[in-house]
Protein backbone atom coordinates (compact mmCIF):
# COMPACT_ATOMS: atom_id res chain seq x y z
CA MET A 1 2.70 83.01 32.29
CA ARG A 2 0.13 85.78 32.37
CA LEU A 3 -0.13 89.40 33.42
CA SER A 4 -3.16 90.55 35.37
CA ALA A 5 -4.15 94.14 36.11
CA LYS A 6 -6.33 92.90 38.99
CA SER A 7 -3.99 93.54 41.92
CA ARG A 8 -3.63 95.82 44.89
CA GLY A 9 -1.22 98.24 43.28
CA GLY A 10 -1.01 97.72 39.55
CA ALA A 11 -0.11 94.87 37.24
CA GLN A 12 0.49 91.44 38.69
CA LEU A 13 2.52 88.56 37.30
CA GLY A 14 0.81 85.17 37.29
CA TYR A 15 1.86 81.63 36.46
CA ASN A 16 -0.49 78.69 35.93
CA VAL A 17 0.31 75.55 37.94
CA LYS A 18 -1.51 72.29 38.65
CA ILE A 19 -2.02 70.84 42.10
CA GLN A 20 -0.64 67.32 42.54
CA LYS A 21 -2.31 64.87 44.91
CA VAL A 22 -0.30 62.00 46.36
CA GLU A 23 -2.19 59.31 48.24
CA ARG A 24 -0.20 57.07 50.57
CA PRO A 25 -1.46 54.33 52.88
CA THR A 26 -1.00 56.59 55.93
CA ASN A 27 -1.82 60.06 54.55
CA THR A 28 -2.74 62.20 51.57
CA SER A 29 -0.63 65.20 50.49
CA PHE A 30 -1.14 67.98 47.98
CA TYR A 31 1.83 69.61 46.24
CA VAL A 32 2.24 72.89 44.37
CA ASN A 33 5.31 73.40 42.19
CA PHE A 34 6.99 76.78 42.44
CA PRO A 35 7.93 77.88 38.90
CA ALA A 36 11.68 78.41 38.43
CA ALA A 37 11.11 81.64 36.49
CA ILE A 38 9.34 83.21 39.47
CA ALA A 39 11.84 81.80 41.98
CA GLU A 40 14.75 83.26 40.03
CA ALA A 41 13.05 86.61 39.44
CA THR A 42 12.31 87.01 43.15
CA ASP A 43 15.60 85.50 44.41
CA VAL A 44 14.01 82.61 46.33
CA GLN A 45 16.66 80.55 48.10
CA LYS A 46 16.71 76.81 48.82
CA GLY A 47 15.33 76.16 52.31
CA GLU A 48 13.69 79.59 52.56
CA GLU A 49 10.55 79.48 54.69
CA MET A 50 7.21 80.68 53.34
CA GLU A 51 3.67 80.70 54.71
CA TRP A 52 0.33 80.22 52.96
CA LEU A 53 -2.35 82.80 53.65
CA VAL A 54 -5.94 82.01 52.63
CA GLU A 55 -7.76 85.20 51.71
CA ASP A 56 -10.90 83.38 50.55
CA ARG A 57 -11.81 80.10 48.79
CA ASN A 58 -10.31 81.36 45.52
CA THR A 59 -7.32 83.40 46.68
CA PHE A 60 -4.20 81.85 48.22
CA ILE A 61 -1.17 84.00 48.99
CA LEU A 62 2.34 82.61 49.43
CA LYS A 63 4.34 85.00 51.61
CA ARG A 64 7.95 85.04 52.77
CA ILE A 65 8.36 84.61 56.53
CA ARG A 66 11.27 87.08 56.52
CA ASP A 67 10.87 90.14 54.32
CA ARG A 68 13.60 90.79 51.75
CA LYS A 69 14.57 94.14 50.29
CA SER A 70 12.99 94.96 46.96
CA PHE A 71 15.04 95.04 43.78
CA LEU A 72 13.16 98.20 42.85
CA ASN A 73 14.39 101.57 44.03
CA LYS A 74 11.28 103.07 45.61
CA LYS A 75 12.95 106.29 46.82
CA LYS A 76 12.36 109.36 44.72
CA SER A 77 15.36 111.33 43.60
CA LYS A 78 16.05 114.42 45.73
CA THR A 79 17.82 116.18 42.87
CA LYS A 80 16.51 119.71 42.52
CA ILE A 81 15.87 121.00 39.03
CA PRO A 82 16.53 124.74 38.71
CA LEU A 83 13.61 126.77 37.39
CA ALA A 84 14.36 129.01 34.44
């Protein structure tokens, strides 16, 4: 696992994987394993649909088809602090 600061909004979590190639008499397939640590951290469910987006030859993005709510609370507190 690695952390990269090269992202669109701050630090980015990365995980190294290897591509597997399976050659059959009728076709060839490539497989990418989805690391359990990332699946658990992002609450990926069995059977959930994803789509691959190709940004360029070196950047592949795996995106959920249906957006899920973030675990992070992005709303700022509306609590007013009295000035002394």
